[in-house]
Amino acid sequence: AELQVLLDLGLARAYDYYSGIHFRA
């Protein structure tokens, strides 16, 4: 519960590489 992430569903840069989620900090 204490881990609150920000969602960016327009994150498209890694489209060709990632098959699922992608995250950065």
PDBML (XML) file of the C-alpha atoms, coordinates in Angstrom:
<?xml version="1.0" encoding="UTF-8" ?>
<PDBx:datablock datablockName="MODEL"
   xmlns:PDBx="http://pdbml.pdb.org/schema/pdbx-v50.xsd"
   xmlns:xsi="http://www.w3.org/2001/XMLSchema-instance"
   xsi:schemaLocation="http://pdbml.pdb.org/schema/pdbx-v50.xsd pdbx-v50.xsd">
   <PDBx:atom_siteCategory>
      <PDBx:atom_site id="1">
         <PDBx:B_iso_or_equiv>0.00</PDBx:B_iso_or_equiv>
         <PDBx:Cartn_x>0.000</PDBx:Cartn_x>
         <PDBx:Cartn_y>0.000</PDBx:Cartn_y>
         <PDBx:Cartn_z>0.000</PDBx:Cartn_z>
         <PDBx:auth_asym_id>A</PDBx:auth_asym_id>
         <PDBx:auth_atom_id>CA</PDBx:auth_atom_id>
         <PDBx:auth_comp_id>ALA</PDBx:auth_comp_id>
         <PDBx:auth_seq_id>1</PDBx:auth_seq_id>
         <PDBx:group_PDB>ATOM</PDBx:group_PDB>
         <PDBx:label_alt_id xsi:nil="true" />
         <PDBx:label_asym_id>A</PDBx:label_asym_id>
         <PDBx:label_atom_id>CA</PDBx:label_atom_id>
         <PDBx:label_comp_id>ALA</PDBx:label_comp_id>
         <PDBx:label_entity_id>1</PDBx:label_entity_id>
         <PDBx:label_seq_id>1</PDBx:label_seq_id>
         <PDBx:occupancy>1.00</PDBx:occupancy>
         <PDBx:pdbx_PDB_model_num>1</PDBx:pdbx_PDB_model_num>
         <PDBx:type_symbol>C</PDBx:type_symbol>
      </PDBx:atom_site>
      <PDBx:atom_site id="2">
         <PDBx:B_iso_or_equiv>0.00</PDBx:B_iso_or_equiv>
         <PDBx:Cartn_x>2.853</PDBx:Cartn_x>
         <PDBx:Cartn_y>2.406</PDBx:Cartn_y>
         <PDBx:Cartn_z>0.717</PDBx:Cartn_z>
         <PDBx:auth_asym_id>A</PDBx:auth_asym_id>
         <PDBx:auth_atom_id>CA</PDBx:auth_atom_id>
         <PDBx:auth_comp_id>GLU</PDBx:auth_comp_id>
         <PDBx:auth_seq_id>2</PDBx:auth_seq_id>
         <PDBx:group_PDB>ATOM</PDBx:group_PDB>
         <PDBx:label_alt_id xsi:nil="true" />
         <PDBx:label_asym_id>A</PDBx:label_asym_id>
         <PDBx:label_atom_id>CA</PDBx:label_atom_id>
         <PDBx:label_comp_id>GLU</PDBx:label_comp_id>
         <PDBx:label_entity_id>1</PDBx:label_entity_id>
         <PDBx:label_seq_id>2</PDBx:label_seq_id>
         <PDBx:occupancy>1.00</PDBx:occupancy>
         <PDBx:pdbx_PDB_model_num>1</PDBx:pdbx_PDB_model_num>
         <PDBx:type_symbol>C</PDBx:type_symbol>
      </PDBx:atom_site>
      <PDBx:atom_site id="3">
         <PDBx:B_iso_or_equiv>0.00</PDBx:B_iso_or_equiv>
         <PDBx:Cartn_x>4.241</PDBx:Cartn_x>
         <PDBx:Cartn_y>2.064</PDBx:Cartn_y>
         <PDBx:Cartn_z>-2.824</PDBx:Cartn_z>
         <PDBx:auth_asym_id>A</PDBx:auth_asym_id>
         <PDBx:auth_atom_id>CA</PDBx:auth_atom_id>
         <PDBx:auth_comp_id>LEU</PDBx:auth_comp_id>
         <PDBx:auth_seq_id>3</PDBx:auth_seq_id>
         <PDBx:group_PDB>ATOM</PDBx:group_PDB>
         <PDBx:label_alt_id xsi:nil="true" />
         <PDBx:label_asym_id>A</PDBx:label_asym_id>
         <PDBx:label_atom_id>CA</PDBx:label_atom_id>
         <PDBx:label_comp_id>LEU</PDBx:label_comp_id>
         <PDBx:label_entity_id>1</PDBx:label_entity_id>
         <PDBx:label_seq_id>3</PDBx:label_seq_id>
         <PDBx:occupancy>1.00</PDBx:occupancy>
         <PDBx:pdbx_PDB_model_num>1</PDBx:pdbx_PDB_model_num>
         <PDBx:type_symbol>C</PDBx:type_symbol>
      </PDBx:atom_site>
      <PDBx:atom_site id="4">
         <PDBx:B_iso_or_equiv>0.00</PDBx:B_iso_or_equiv>
         <PDBx:Cartn_x>2.346</PDBx:Cartn_x>
         <PDBx:Cartn_y>4.616</PDBx:Cartn_y>
         <PDBx:Cartn_z>-4.894</PDBx:Cartn_z>
         <PDBx:auth_asym_id>A</PDBx:auth_asym_id>
         <PDBx:auth_atom_id>CA</PDBx:auth_atom_id>
         <PDBx:auth_comp_id>GLN</PDBx:auth_comp_id>
         <PDBx:auth_seq_id>4</PDBx:auth_seq_id>
         <PDBx:group_PDB>ATOM</PDBx:group_PDB>
         <PDBx:label_alt_id xsi:nil="true" />
         <PDBx:label_asym_id>A</PDBx:label_asym_id>
         <PDBx:label_atom_id>CA</PDBx:label_atom_id>
         <PDBx:label_comp_id>GLN</PDBx:label_comp_id>
         <PDBx:label_entity_id>1</PDBx:label_entity_id>
         <PDBx:label_seq_id>4</PDBx:label_seq_id>
         <PDBx:occupancy>1.00</PDBx:occupancy>
         <PDBx:pdbx_PDB_model_num>1</PDBx:pdbx_PDB_model_num>
         <PDBx:type_symbol>C</PDBx:type_symbol>
      </PDBx:atom_site>
      <PDBx:atom_site id="5">
         <PDBx:B_iso_or_equiv>0.00</PDBx:B_iso_or_equiv>
         <PDBx:Cartn_x>3.344</PDBx:Cartn_x>
         <PDBx:Cartn_y>4.664</PDBx:Cartn_y>
         <PDBx:Cartn_z>-8.564</PDBx:Cartn_z>
         <PDBx:auth_asym_id>A</PDBx:auth_asym_id>
         <PDBx:auth_atom_id>CA</PDBx:auth_atom_id>
         <PDBx:auth_comp_id>VAL</PDBx:auth_comp_id>
         <PDBx:auth_seq_id>5</PDBx:auth_seq_id>
         <PDBx:group_PDB>ATOM</PDBx:group_PDB>
         <PDBx:label_alt_id xsi:nil="true" />
         <PDBx:label_asym_id>A</PDBx:label_asym_id>
         <PDBx:label_atom_id>CA</PDBx:label_atom_id>
         <PDBx:label_comp_id>VAL</PDBx:label_comp_id>
         <PDBx:label_entity_id>1</PDBx:label_entity_id>
         <PDBx:label_seq_id>5</PDBx:label_seq_id>
         <PDBx:occupancy>1.00</PDBx:occupancy>
         <PDBx:pdbx_PDB_model_num>1</PDBx:pdbx_PDB_model_num>
         <PDBx:type_symbol>C</PDBx:type_symbol>
      </PDBx:atom_site>
      <PDBx:atom_site id="6">
         <PDBx:B_iso_or_equiv>0.00</PDBx:B_iso_or_equiv>
         <PDBx:Cartn_x>2.554</PDBx:Cartn_x>
         <PDBx:Cartn_y>7.138</PDBx:Cartn_y>
         <PDBx:Cartn_z>-11.310</PDBx:Cartn_z>
         <PDBx:auth_asym_id>A</PDBx:auth_asym_id>
         <PDBx:auth_atom_id>CA</PDBx:auth_atom_id>
         <PDBx:auth_comp_id>LEU</PDBx:auth_comp_id>
         <PDBx:auth_seq_id>6</PDBx:auth_seq_id>
         <PDBx:group_PDB>ATOM</PDBx:group_PDB>
         <PDBx:label_alt_id xsi:nil="true" />
         <PDBx:label_asym_id>A</PDBx:label_asym_id>
         <PDBx:label_atom_id>CA</PDBx:label_atom_id>
         <PDBx:label_comp_id>LEU</PDBx:label_comp_id>
         <PDBx:label_entity_id>1</PDBx:label_entity_id>
         <PDBx:label_seq_id>6</PDBx:label_seq_id>
         <PDBx:occupancy>1.00</PDBx:occupancy>
         <PDBx:pdbx_PDB_model_num>1</PDBx:pdbx_PDB_model_num>
         <PDBx:type_symbol>C</PDBx:type_symbol>
      </PDBx:atom_site>
      <PDBx:atom_site id="7">
         <PDBx:B_iso_or_equiv>0.00</PDBx:B_iso_or_equiv>
         <PDBx:Cartn_x>0.890</PDBx:Cartn_x>
         <PDBx:Cartn_y>5.663</PDBx:Cartn_y>
         <PDBx:Cartn_z>-14.389</PDBx:Cartn_z>
         <PDBx:auth_asym_id>A</PDBx:auth_asym_id>
         <PDBx:auth_atom_id>CA</PDBx:auth_atom_id>
         <PDBx:auth_comp_id>LEU</PDBx:auth_comp_id>
         <PDBx:auth_seq_id>7</PDBx:auth_seq_id>
         <PDBx:group_PDB>ATOM</PDBx:group_PDB>
         <PDBx:label_alt_id xsi:nil="true" />
         <PDBx:label_asym_id>A</PDBx:label_asym_id>
         <PDBx:label_atom_id>CA</PDBx:label_atom_id>
         <PDBx:label_comp_id>LEU</PDBx:label_comp_id>
         <PDBx:label_entity_id>1</PDBx:label_entity_id>
         <PDBx:label_seq_id>7</PDBx:label_seq_id>
         <PDBx:occupancy>1.00</PDBx:occupancy>
         <PDBx:pdbx_PDB_model_num>1</PDBx:pdbx_PDB_model_num>
         <PDBx:type_symbol>C</PDBx:type_symbol>
      </PDBx:atom_site>
      <PDBx:atom_site id="8">
         <PDBx:B_iso_or_equiv>0.00</PDBx:B_iso_or_equiv>
         <PDBx:Cartn_x>1.800</PDBx:Cartn_x>
         <PDBx:Cartn_y>6.770</PDBx:Cartn_y>
         <PDBx:Cartn_z>-17.901</PDBx:Cartn_z>
         <PDBx:auth_asym_id>A</PDBx:auth_asym_id>
         <PDBx:auth_atom_id>CA</PDBx:auth_atom_id>
         <PDBx:auth_comp_id>ASP</PDBx:auth_comp_id>
         <PDBx:auth_seq_id>8</PDBx:auth_seq_id>
         <PDBx:group_PDB>ATOM</PDBx:group_PDB>
         <PDBx:label_alt_id xsi:nil="true" />
         <PDBx:label_asym_id>A</PDBx:label_asym_id>
         <PDBx:label_atom_id>CA</PDBx:label_atom_id>
         <PDBx:label_comp_id>ASP</PDBx:label_comp_id>
         <PDBx:label_entity_id>1</PDBx:label_entity_id>
         <PDBx:label_seq_id>8</PDBx:label_seq_id>
         <PDBx:occupancy>1.00</PDBx:occupancy>
         <PDBx:pdbx_PDB_model_num>1</PDBx:pdbx_PDB_model_num>
         <PDBx:type_symbol>C</PDBx:type_symbol>
      </PDBx:atom_site>
      <PDBx:atom_site id="9">
         <PDBx:B_iso_or_equiv>0.00</PDBx:B_iso_or_equiv>
         <PDBx:Cartn_x>-0.245</PDBx:Cartn_x>
         <PDBx:Cartn_y>4.758</PDBx:Cartn_y>
         <PDBx:Cartn_z>-20.388</PDBx:Cartn_z>
         <PDBx:auth_asym_id>A</PDBx:auth_asym_id>
         <PDBx:auth_atom_id>CA</PDBx:auth_atom_id>
         <PDBx:auth_comp_id>LEU</PDBx:auth_comp_id>
         <PDBx:auth_seq_id>9</PDBx:auth_seq_id>
         <PDBx:group_PDB>ATOM</PDBx:group_PDB>
         <PDBx:label_alt_id xsi:nil="true" />
         <PDBx:label_asym_id>A</PDBx:label_asym_id>
         <PDBx:label_atom_id>CA</PDBx:label_atom_id>
         <PDBx:label_comp_id>LEU</PDBx:label_comp_id>
         <PDBx:label_entity_id>1</PDBx:label_entity_id>
         <PDBx:label_seq_id>9</PDBx:label_seq_id>
         <PDBx:occupancy>1.00</PDBx:occupancy>
         <PDBx:pdbx_PDB_model_num>1</PDBx:pdbx_PDB_model_num>
         <PDBx:type_symbol>C</PDBx:type_symbol>
      </PDBx:atom_site>
      <PDBx:atom_site id="10">
         <PDBx:B_iso_or_equiv>0.00</PDBx:B_iso_or_equiv>
         <PDBx:Cartn_x>1.121</PDBx:Cartn_x>
         <PDBx:Cartn_y>6.878</PDBx:Cartn_y>
         <PDBx:Cartn_z>-23.224</PDBx:Cartn_z>
         <PDBx:auth_asym_id>A</PDBx:auth_asym_id>
         <PDBx:auth_atom_id>CA</PDBx:auth_atom_id>
         <PDBx:auth_comp_id>GLY</PDBx:auth_comp_id>
         <PDBx:auth_seq_id>10</PDBx:auth_seq_id>
         <PDBx:group_PDB>ATOM</PDBx:group_PDB>
         <PDBx:label_alt_id xsi:nil="true" />
         <PDBx:label_asym_id>A</PDBx:label_asym_id>
         <PDBx:label_atom_id>CA</PDBx:label_atom_id>
         <PDBx:label_comp_id>GLY</PDBx:label_comp_id>
         <PDBx:label_entity_id>1</PDBx:label_entity_id>
         <PDBx:label_seq_id>10</PDBx:label_seq_id>
         <PDBx:occupancy>1.00</PDBx:occupancy>
         <PDBx:pdbx_PDB_model_num>1</PDBx:pdbx_PDB_model_num>
         <PDBx:type_symbol>C</PDBx:type_symbol>
      </PDBx:atom_site>
      <PDBx:atom_site id="11">
         <PDBx:B_iso_or_equiv>0.00</PDBx:B_iso_or_equiv>
         <PDBx:Cartn_x>4.622</PDBx:Cartn_x>
         <PDBx:Cartn_y>5.555</PDBx:Cartn_y>
         <PDBx:Cartn_z>-22.587</PDBx:Cartn_z>
         <PDBx:auth_asym_id>A</PDBx:auth_asym_id>
         <PDBx:auth_atom_id>CA</PDBx:auth_atom_id>
         <PDBx:auth_comp_id>LEU</PDBx:auth_comp_id>
         <PDBx:auth_seq_id>11</PDBx:auth_seq_id>
         <PDBx:group_PDB>ATOM</PDBx:group_PDB>
         <PDBx:label_alt_id xsi:nil="true" />
         <PDBx:label_asym_id>A</PDBx:label_asym_id>
         <PDBx:label_atom_id>CA</PDBx:label_atom_id>
         <PDBx:label_comp_id>LEU</PDBx:label_comp_id>
         <PDBx:label_entity_id>1</PDBx:label_entity_id>
         <PDBx:label_seq_id>11</PDBx:label_seq_id>
         <PDBx:occupancy>1.00</PDBx:occupancy>
         <PDBx:pdbx_PDB_model_num>1</PDBx:pdbx_PDB_model_num>
         <PDBx:type_symbol>C</PDBx:type_symbol>
      </PDBx:atom_site>
      <PDBx:atom_site id="12">
         <PDBx:B_iso_or_equiv>0.00</PDBx:B_iso_or_equiv>
         <PDBx:Cartn_x>5.407</PDBx:Cartn_x>
         <PDBx:Cartn_y>4.401</PDBx:Cartn_y>
         <PDBx:Cartn_z>-26.115</PDBx:Cartn_z>
         <PDBx:auth_asym_id>A</PDBx:auth_asym_id>
         <PDBx:auth_atom_id>CA</PDBx:auth_atom_id>
         <PDBx:auth_comp_id>ALA</PDBx:auth_comp_id>
         <PDBx:auth_seq_id>12</PDBx:auth_seq_id>
         <PDBx:group_PDB>ATOM</PDBx:group_PDB>
         <PDBx:label_alt_id xsi:nil="true" />
         <PDBx:label_asym_id>A</PDBx:label_asym_id>
         <PDBx:label_atom_id>CA</PDBx:label_atom_id>
         <PDBx:label_comp_id>ALA</PDBx:label_comp_id>
         <PDBx:label_entity_id>1</PDBx:label_entity_id>
         <PDBx:label_seq_id>12</PDBx:label_seq_id>
         <PDBx:occupancy>1.00</PDBx:occupancy>
         <PDBx:pdbx_PDB_model_num>1</PDBx:pdbx_PDB_model_num>
         <PDBx:type_symbol>C</PDBx:type_symbol>
      </PDBx:atom_site>
      <PDBx:atom_site id="13">
         <PDBx:B_iso_or_equiv>0.00</PDBx:B_iso_or_equiv>
         <PDBx:Cartn_x>9.171</PDBx:Cartn_x>
         <PDBx:Cartn_y>4.816</PDBx:Cartn_y>
         <PDBx:Cartn_z>-26.486</PDBx:Cartn_z>
         <PDBx:auth_asym_id>A</PDBx:auth_asym_id>
         <PDBx:auth_atom_id>CA</PDBx:auth_atom_id>
         <PDBx:auth_comp_id>ARG</PDBx:auth_comp_id>
         <PDBx:auth_seq_id>13</PDBx:auth_seq_id>
         <PDBx:group_PDB>ATOM</PDBx:group_PDB>
         <PDBx:label_alt_id xsi:nil="true" />
         <PDBx:label_asym_id>A</PDBx:label_asym_id>
         <PDBx:label_atom_id>CA</PDBx:label_atom_id>
         <PDBx:label_comp_id>ARG</PDBx:label_comp_id>
         <PDBx:label_entity_id>1</PDBx:label_entity_id>
         <PDBx:label_seq_id>13</PDBx:label_seq_id>
         <PDBx:occupancy>1.00</PDBx:occupancy>
         <PDBx:pdbx_PDB_model_num>1</PDBx:pdbx_PDB_model_num>
         <PDBx:type_symbol>C</PDBx:type_symbol>
      </PDBx:atom_site>
      <PDBx:atom_site id="14">
         <PDBx:B_iso_or_equiv>0.00</PDBx:B_iso_or_equiv>
         <PDBx:Cartn_x>9.872</PDBx:Cartn_x>
         <PDBx:Cartn_y>1.195</PDBx:Cartn_y>
         <PDBx:Cartn_z>-25.584</PDBx:Cartn_z>
         <PDBx:auth_asym_id>A</PDBx:auth_asym_id>
         <PDBx:auth_atom_id>CA</PDBx:auth_atom_id>
         <PDBx:auth_comp_id>ALA</PDBx:auth_comp_id>
         <PDBx:auth_seq_id>14</PDBx:auth_seq_id>
         <PDBx:group_PDB>ATOM</PDBx:group_PDB>
         <PDBx:label_alt_id xsi:nil="true" />
         <PDBx:label_asym_id>A</PDBx:label_asym_id>
         <PDBx:label_atom_id>CA</PDBx:label_atom_id>
         <PDBx:label_comp_id>ALA</PDBx:label_comp_id>
         <PDBx:label_entity_id>1</PDBx:label_entity_id>
         <PDBx:label_seq_id>14</PDBx:label_seq_id>
         <PDBx:occupancy>1.00</PDBx:occupancy>
         <PDBx:pdbx_PDB_model_num>1</PDBx:pdbx_PDB_model_num>
         <PDBx:type_symbol>C</PDBx:type_symbol>
      </PDBx:atom_site>
      <PDBx:atom_site id="15">
         <PDBx:B_iso_or_equiv>0.00</PDBx:B_iso_or_equiv>
         <PDBx:Cartn_x>7.133</PDBx:Cartn_x>
         <PDBx:Cartn_y>-0.153</PDBx:Cartn_y>
         <PDBx:Cartn_z>-27.869</PDBx:Cartn_z>
         <PDBx:auth_asym_id>A</PDBx:auth_asym_id>
         <PDBx:auth_atom_id>CA</PDBx:auth_atom_id>
         <PDBx:auth_comp_id>TYR</PDBx:auth_comp_id>
         <PDBx:auth_seq_id>15</PDBx:auth_seq_id>
         <PDBx:group_PDB>ATOM</PDBx:group_PDB>
         <PDBx:label_alt_id xsi:nil="true" />
         <PDBx:label_asym_id>A</PDBx:label_asym_id>
         <PDBx:label_atom_id>CA</PDBx:label_atom_id>
         <PDBx:label_comp_id>TYR</PDBx:label_comp_id>
         <PDBx:label_entity_id>1</PDBx:label_entity_id>
         <PDBx:label_seq_id>15</PDBx:label_seq_id>
         <PDBx:occupancy>1.00</PDBx:occupancy>
         <PDBx:pdbx_PDB_model_num>1</PDBx:pdbx_PDB_model_num>
         <PDBx:type_symbol>C</PDBx:type_symbol>
      </PDBx:atom_site>
      <PDBx:atom_site id="16">
         <PDBx:B_iso_or_equiv>0.00</PDBx:B_iso_or_equiv>
         <PDBx:Cartn_x>9.477</PDBx:Cartn_x>
         <PDBx:Cartn_y>-2.346</PDBx:Cartn_y>
         <PDBx:Cartn_z>-29.936</PDBx:Cartn_z>
         <PDBx:auth_asym_id>A</PDBx:auth_asym_id>
         <PDBx:auth_atom_id>CA</PDBx:auth_atom_id>
         <PDBx:auth_comp_id>ASP</PDBx:auth_comp_id>
         <PDBx:auth_seq_id>16</PDBx:auth_seq_id>
         <PDBx:group_PDB>ATOM</PDBx:group_PDB>
         <PDBx:label_alt_id xsi:nil="true" />
         <PDBx:label_asym_id>A</PDBx:label_asym_id>
         <PDBx:label_atom_id>CA</PDBx:label_atom_id>
         <PDBx:label_comp_id>ASP</PDBx:label_comp_id>
         <PDBx:label_entity_id>1</PDBx:label_entity_id>
         <PDBx:label_seq_id>16</PDBx:label_seq_id>
         <PDBx:occupancy>1.00</PDBx:occupancy>
         <PDBx:pdbx_PDB_model_num>1</PDBx:pdbx_PDB_model_num>
         <PDBx:type_symbol>C</PDBx:type_symbol>
      </PDBx:atom_site>
      <PDBx:atom_site id="17">
         <PDBx:B_iso_or_equiv>0.00</PDBx:B_iso_or_equiv>
         <PDBx:Cartn_x>11.288</PDBx:Cartn_x>
         <PDBx:Cartn_y>-3.862</PDBx:Cartn_y>
         <PDBx:Cartn_z>-26.974</PDBx:Cartn_z>
         <PDBx:auth_asym_id>A</PDBx:auth_asym_id>
         <PDBx:auth_atom_id>CA</PDBx:auth_atom_id>
         <PDBx:auth_comp_id>TYR</PDBx:auth_comp_id>
         <PDBx:auth_seq_id>17</PDBx:auth_seq_id>
         <PDBx:group_PDB>ATOM</PDBx:group_PDB>
         <PDBx:label_alt_id xsi:nil="true" />
         <PDBx:label_asym_id>A</PDBx:label_asym_id>
         <PDBx:label_atom_id>CA</PDBx:label_atom_id>
         <PDBx:label_comp_id>TYR</PDBx:label_comp_id>
         <PDBx:label_entity_id>1</PDBx:label_entity_id>
         <PDBx:label_seq_id>17</PDBx:label_seq_id>
         <PDBx:occupancy>1.00</PDBx:occupancy>
         <PDBx:pdbx_PDB_model_num>1</PDBx:pdbx_PDB_model_num>
         <PDBx:type_symbol>C</PDBx:type_symbol>
      </PDBx:atom_site>
      <PDBx:atom_site id="18">
         <PDBx:B_iso_or_equiv>0.00</PDBx:B_iso_or_equiv>
         <PDBx:Cartn_x>8.920</PDBx:Cartn_x>
         <PDBx:Cartn_y>-4.380</PDBx:Cartn_y>
         <PDBx:Cartn_z>-24.058</PDBx:Cartn_z>
         <PDBx:auth_asym_id>A</PDBx:auth_asym_id>
         <PDBx:auth_atom_id>CA</PDBx:auth_atom_id>
         <PDBx:auth_comp_id>TYR</PDBx:auth_comp_id>
         <PDBx:auth_seq_id>18</PDBx:auth_seq_id>
         <PDBx:group_PDB>ATOM</PDBx:group_PDB>
         <PDBx:label_alt_id xsi:nil="true" />
         <PDBx:label_asym_id>A</PDBx:label_asym_id>
         <PDBx:label_atom_id>CA</PDBx:label_atom_id>
         <PDBx:label_comp_id>TYR</PDBx:label_comp_id>
         <PDBx:label_entity_id>1</PDBx:label_entity_id>
         <PDBx:label_seq_id>18</PDBx:label_seq_id>
         <PDBx:occupancy>1.00</PDBx:occupancy>
         <PDBx:pdbx_PDB_model_num>1</PDBx:pdbx_PDB_model_num>
         <PDBx:type_symbol>C</PDBx:type_symbol>
      </PDBx:atom_site>
      <PDBx:atom_site id="19">
         <PDBx:B_iso_or_equiv>0.00</PDBx:B_iso_or_equiv>
         <PDBx:Cartn_x>6.105</PDBx:Cartn_x>
         <PDBx:Cartn_y>-6.902</PDBx:Cartn_y>
         <PDBx:Cartn_z>-24.313</PDBx:Cartn_z>
         <PDBx:auth_asym_id>A</PDBx:auth_asym_id>
         <PDBx:auth_atom_id>CA</PDBx:auth_atom_id>
         <PDBx:auth_comp_id>SER</PDBx:auth_comp_id>
         <PDBx:auth_seq_id>19</PDBx:auth_seq_id>
         <PDBx:group_PDB>ATOM</PDBx:group_PDB>
         <PDBx:label_alt_id xsi:nil="true" />
         <PDBx:label_asym_id>A</PDBx:label_asym_id>
         <PDBx:label_atom_id>CA</PDBx:label_atom_id>
         <PDBx:label_comp_id>SER</PDBx:label_comp_id>
         <PDBx:label_entity_id>1</PDBx:label_entity_id>
         <PDBx:label_seq_id>19</PDBx:label_seq_id>
         <PDBx:occupancy>1.00</PDBx:occupancy>
         <PDBx:pdbx_PDB_model_num>1</PDBx:pdbx_PDB_model_num>
         <PDBx:type_symbol>C</PDBx:type_symbol>
      </PDBx:atom_site>
      <PDBx:atom_site id="20">
         <PDBx:B_iso_or_equiv>0.00</PDBx:B_iso_or_equiv>
         <PDBx:Cartn_x>4.334</PDBx:Cartn_x>
         <PDBx:Cartn_y>-5.833</PDBx:Cartn_y>
         <PDBx:Cartn_z>-21.116</PDBx:Cartn_z>
         <PDBx:auth_asym_id>A</PDBx:auth_asym_id>
         <PDBx:auth_atom_id>CA</PDBx:auth_atom_id>
         <PDBx:auth_comp_id>GLY</PDBx:auth_comp_id>
         <PDBx:auth_seq_id>20</PDBx:auth_seq_id>
         <PDBx:group_PDB>ATOM</PDBx:group_PDB>
         <PDBx:label_alt_id xsi:nil="true" />
         <PDBx:label_asym_id>A</PDBx:label_asym_id>
         <PDBx:label_atom_id>CA</PDBx:label_atom_id>
         <PDBx:label_comp_id>GLY</PDBx:label_comp_id>
         <PDBx:label_entity_id>1</PDBx:label_entity_id>
         <PDBx:label_seq_id>20</PDBx:label_seq_id>
         <PDBx:occupancy>1.00</PDBx:occupancy>
         <PDBx:pdbx_PDB_model_num>1</PDBx:pdbx_PDB_model_num>
         <PDBx:type_symbol>C</PDBx:type_symbol>
      </PDBx:atom_site>
      <PDBx:atom_site id="21">
         <PDBx:B_iso_or_equiv>0.00</PDBx:B_iso_or_equiv>
         <PDBx:Cartn_x>4.964</PDBx:Cartn_x>
         <PDBx:Cartn_y>-3.182</PDBx:Cartn_y>
         <PDBx:Cartn_z>-18.518</PDBx:Cartn_z>
         <PDBx:auth_asym_id>A</PDBx:auth_asym_id>
         <PDBx:auth_atom_id>CA</PDBx:auth_atom_id>
         <PDBx:auth_comp_id>ILE</PDBx:auth_comp_id>
         <PDBx:auth_seq_id>21</PDBx:auth_seq_id>
         <PDBx:group_PDB>ATOM</PDBx:group_PDB>
         <PDBx:label_alt_id xsi:nil="true" />
         <PDBx:label_asym_id>A</PDBx:label_asym_id>
         <PDBx:label_atom_id>CA</PDBx:label_atom_id>
         <PDBx:label_comp_id>ILE</PDBx:label_comp_id>
         <PDBx:label_entity_id>1</PDBx:label_entity_id>
         <PDBx:label_seq_id>21</PDBx:label_seq_id>
         <PDBx:occupancy>1.00</PDBx:occupancy>
         <PDBx:pdbx_PDB_model_num>1</PDBx:pdbx_PDB_model_num>
         <PDBx:type_symbol>C</PDBx:type_symbol>
      </PDBx:atom_site>
      <PDBx:atom_site id="22">
         <PDBx:B_iso_or_equiv>0.00</PDBx:B_iso_or_equiv>
         <PDBx:Cartn_x>7.810</PDBx:Cartn_x>
         <PDBx:Cartn_y>-0.662</PDBx:Cartn_y>
         <PDBx:Cartn_z>-18.622</PDBx:Cartn_z>
         <PDBx:auth_asym_id>A</PDBx:auth_asym_id>
         <PDBx:auth_atom_id>CA</PDBx:auth_atom_id>
         <PDBx:auth_comp_id>HIS</PDBx:auth_comp_id>
         <PDBx:auth_seq_id>22</PDBx:auth_seq_id>
         <PDBx:group_PDB>ATOM</PDBx:group_PDB>
         <PDBx:label_alt_id xsi:nil="true" />
         <PDBx:label_asym_id>A</PDBx:label_asym_id>
         <PDBx:label_atom_id>CA</PDBx:label_atom_id>
         <PDBx:label_comp_id>HIS</PDBx:label_comp_id>
         <PDBx:label_entity_id>1</PDBx:label_entity_id>
         <PDBx:label_seq_id>22</PDBx:label_seq_id>
         <PDBx:occupancy>1.00</PDBx:occupancy>
         <PDBx:pdbx_PDB_model_num>1</PDBx:pdbx_PDB_model_num>
         <PDBx:type_symbol>C</PDBx:type_symbol>
      </PDBx:atom_site>
      <PDBx:atom_site id="23">
         <PDBx:B_iso_or_equiv>0.00</PDBx:B_iso_or_equiv>
         <PDBx:Cartn_x>8.899</PDBx:Cartn_x>
         <PDBx:Cartn_y>1.455</PDBx:Cartn_y>
         <PDBx:Cartn_z>-15.674</PDBx:Cartn_z>
         <PDBx:auth_asym_id>A</PDBx:auth_asym_id>
         <PDBx:auth_atom_id>CA</PDBx:auth_atom_id>
         <PDBx:auth_comp_id>PHE</PDBx:auth_comp_id>
         <PDBx:auth_seq_id>23</PDBx:auth_seq_id>
         <PDBx:group_PDB>ATOM</PDBx:group_PDB>
         <PDBx:label_alt_id xsi:nil="true" />
         <PDBx:label_asym_id>A</PDBx:label_asym_id>
         <PDBx:label_atom_id>CA</PDBx:label_atom_id>
         <PDBx:label_comp_id>PHE</PDBx:label_comp_id>
         <PDBx:label_entity_id>1</PDBx:label_entity_id>
         <PDBx:label_seq_id>23</PDBx:label_seq_id>
         <PDBx:occupancy>1.00</PDBx:occupancy>
         <PDBx:pdbx_PDB_model_num>1</PDBx:pdbx_PDB_model_num>
         <PDBx:type_symbol>C</PDBx:type_symbol>
      </PDBx:atom_site>
      <PDBx:atom_site id="24">
         <PDBx:B_iso_or_equiv>0.00</PDBx:B_iso_or_equiv>
         <PDBx:Cartn_x>11.458</PDBx:Cartn_x>
         <PDBx:Cartn_y>4.091</PDBx:Cartn_y>
         <PDBx:Cartn_z>-14.769</PDBx:Cartn_z>
         <PDBx:auth_asym_id>A</PDBx:auth_asym_id>
         <PDBx:auth_atom_id>CA</PDBx:auth_atom_id>
         <PDBx:auth_comp_id>ARG</PDBx:auth_comp_id>
         <PDBx:auth_seq_id>24</PDBx:auth_seq_id>
         <PDBx:group_PDB>ATOM</PDBx:group_PDB>
         <PDBx:label_alt_id xsi:nil="true" />
         <PDBx:label_asym_id>A</PDBx:label_asym_id>
         <PDBx:label_atom_id>CA</PDBx:label_atom_id>
         <PDBx:label_comp_id>ARG</PDBx:label_comp_id>
         <PDBx:label_entity_id>1</PDBx:label_entity_id>
         <PDBx:label_seq_id>24</PDBx:label_seq_id>
         <PDBx:occupancy>1.00</PDBx:occupancy>
         <PDBx:pdbx_PDB_model_num>1</PDBx:pdbx_PDB_model_num>
         <PDBx:type_symbol>C</PDBx:type_symbol>
      </PDBx:atom_site>
      <PDBx:atom_site id="25">
         <PDBx:B_iso_or_equiv>0.00</PDBx:B_iso_or_equiv>
         <PDBx:Cartn_x>12.232</PDBx:Cartn_x>
         <PDBx:Cartn_y>6.303</PDBx:Cartn_y>
         <PDBx:Cartn_z>-11.758</PDBx:Cartn_z>
         <PDBx:auth_asym_id>A</PDBx:auth_asym_id>
         <PDBx:auth_atom_id>CA</PDBx:auth_atom_id>
         <PDBx:auth_comp_id>ALA</PDBx:auth_comp_id>
         <PDBx:auth_seq_id>25</PDBx:auth_seq_id>
         <PDBx:group_PDB>ATOM</PDBx:group_PDB>
         <PDBx:label_alt_id xsi:nil="true" />
         <PDBx:label_asym_id>A</PDBx:label_asym_id>
         <PDBx:label_atom_id>CA</PDBx:label_atom_id>
         <PDBx:label_comp_id>ALA</PDBx:label_comp_id>
         <PDBx:label_entity_id>1</PDBx:label_entity_id>
         <PDBx:label_seq_id>25</PDBx:label_seq_id>
         <PDBx:occupancy>1.00</PDBx:occupancy>
         <PDBx:pdbx_PDB_model_num>1</PDBx:pdbx_PDB_model_num>
         <PDBx:type_symbol>C</PDBx:type_symbol>
      </PDBx:atom_site>
   </PDBx:atom_siteCategory>
</PDBx:datablock>
